[in-house]
C-alpha cells in the first residue's frame, strides 16, 4: 500500500533529477562555448563553476542511488507482505482490477 502512495513522489523525484541533469549539461555546454574567449578572469570563474558542476553531478548520482535503494527496500517489503498474506494480496489486486475496469468502462 505504501508503494501506491509514494508513486507520485517517485515521479517528482525522477523529474527533478532529469531537470537537474539537463541544467548541468546546458551549463557545461555554455561554459565550453564561452571558454574560447581566453579571458583570465573568466577562466578562474569557469574552473569554479566546473568544480561545482562536478560536485552537483556527484550529489545527483547519490540521490539516484538512494532512490534506487529505497525502491528496492519497498519491493522487498511488498514481497514479504504478499508472502505473509497471500489471500489479502489477491483481494487487494482483485479490488484494484475491478476499480480500474469500472473506471475504464465509464470512459
Protein backbone atom coordinates (compact mmCIF):
# COMPACT_ATOMS: atom_id res chain seq x y z
CA UNK A 1 0.00 0.00 0.00
CA UNK A 2 2.91 2.36 0.72
CA UNK A 3 4.24 1.94 -2.83
CA UNK A 4 0.97 3.24 -4.25
CA UNK A 5 1.01 6.42 -2.17
CA UNK A 6 4.68 7.19 -2.92
CA UNK A 7 4.39 6.76 -6.71
CA UNK A 8 3.75 10.47 -7.39
CA UNK A 9 6.64 11.36 -5.09
CA UNK A 10 8.90 8.98 -7.00
CA UNK A 11 7.83 10.54 -10.31
CA UNK A 12 8.52 14.01 -8.91
CA UNK A 13 11.99 12.97 -7.76
CA UNK A 14 12.75 11.45 -11.16
CA UNK A 15 11.53 14.61 -12.89
CA UNK A 16 13.67 16.75 -10.58
CA UNK A 17 16.71 14.59 -11.27
CA UNK A 18 16.13 14.81 -15.03
CA UNK A 19 15.74 18.59 -14.86
CA UNK A 20 18.91 18.95 -12.80
CA UNK A 21 20.82 16.76 -15.24
CA UNK A 22 19.62 18.86 -18.19
CA UNK A 23 20.54 22.07 -16.35
CA UNK A 24 24.04 20.80 -15.60
CA UNK A 25 24.56 19.68 -19.19
CA UNK A 26 23.33 23.02 -20.55
CA UNK A 27 25.62 24.96 -18.20
CA UNK A 28 28.52 22.75 -19.25
CA UNK A 29 27.82 23.44 -22.94
CA UNK A 30 27.58 27.17 -22.25
CA UNK A 31 30.90 27.21 -20.41
CA UNK A 32 32.62 25.28 -23.20
CA UNK A 33 31.27 27.64 -25.85
CA UNK A 34 32.40 30.76 -23.95
CA UNK A 35 35.76 29.28 -22.93
CA UNK A 36 37.26 30.18 -26.30
CA UNK A 37 37.39 33.86 -25.28
CA UNK A 38 40.63 33.25 -23.35
CA UNK A 39 39.99 35.89 -20.68
CA UNK A 40 41.95 35.05 -17.50
CA UNK A 41 39.19 36.22 -15.12
CA UNK A 42 36.66 34.13 -16.98
CA UNK A 43 38.98 31.12 -16.76
CA UNK A 44 39.04 31.35 -12.93
CA UNK A 45 35.27 31.63 -12.76
CA UNK A 46 34.90 28.80 -15.26
CA UNK A 47 37.08 26.50 -13.15
CA UNK A 48 34.97 27.21 -10.06
CA UNK A 49 31.75 26.56 -11.95
CA UNK A 50 33.11 23.34 -13.43
CA UNK A 51 34.11 22.20 -9.95
CA UNK A 52 30.64 22.97 -8.61
CA UNK A 53 29.01 21.17 -11.53
CA UNK A 54 31.10 18.09 -10.86
CA UNK A 55 30.01 18.23 -7.23
CA UNK A 56 26.37 18.56 -8.31
CA UNK A 57 26.73 15.55 -10.61
CA UNK A 58 28.10 13.54 -7.70
CA UNK A 59 25.23 14.61 -5.46
CA UNK A 60 22.74 13.74 -8.19
CA UNK A 61 24.29 10.29 -8.54
CA UNK A 62 23.99 9.83 -4.76
CA UNK A 63 20.35 10.94 -4.90
CA UNK A 64 19.61 8.45 -7.67
CA UNK A 65 21.34 5.67 -5.76
CA UNK A 66 19.35 6.49 -2.62
CA UNK A 67 16.14 6.42 -4.66
CA UNK A 68 17.03 3.05 -6.15
CA UNK A 69 17.87 1.69 -2.70
CA UNK A 70 14.52 2.91 -1.34
CA UNK A 71 12.70 1.31 -4.28
CA UNK A 72 14.49 -1.99 -3.64
CA UNK A 73 13.55 -1.84 0.04
CA UNK A 74 9.92 -1.15 -0.82
CA UNK A 75 9.86 -4.02 -3.32
CA UNK A 76 11.40 -6.35 -0.73
CA UNK A 77 8.84 -5.25 1.89
CA UNK A 78 5.99 -5.71 -0.57
CA UNK A 79 7.26 -9.18 -1.47
CA UNK A 80 7.47 -10.17 2.19
CA UNK A 81 3.96 -8.82 2.86
CA UNK A 82 2.50 -10.69 -0.11
CA UNK A 83 4.16 -13.91 1.03
CA UNK A 84 2.90 -13.40 4.57
CA UNK A 85 -0.67 -12.57 3.48
CA UNK A 86 -1.31 -14.11 0.04
CA UNK A 87 -5.11 -14.05 0.21
CA UNK A 88 -5.18 -10.43 1.32
CA UNK A 89 -2.85 -9.52 -1.53
CA UNK A 90 -5.12 -11.29 -4.01
CA UNK A 91 -8.14 -9.44 -2.61
CA UNK A 92 -6.39 -6.08 -2.96
CA UNK A 93 -5.30 -6.93 -6.51
CA UNK A 94 -8.85 -8.04 -7.43
CA UNK A 95 -10.35 -4.88 -5.95
CA UNK A 96 -7.86 -2.74 -7.86
CA UNK A 97 -8.70 -4.63 -11.06
CA UNK A 98 -12.43 -4.12 -10.54
CA UNK A 99 -11.89 -0.41 -9.85
CA UNK A 100 -9.73 0.06 -12.93
CA UNK A 101 -12.22 -1.89 -15.04
CA UNK A 102 -15.09 0.22 -13.72
CA UNK A 103 -13.23 3.46 -14.43
CA UNK A 104 -12.19 2.30 -17.91
CA UNK A 105 -15.77 1.28 -18.76
CA UNK A 106 -17.07 4.74 -17.85
CA UNK A 107 -14.92 6.44 -20.49
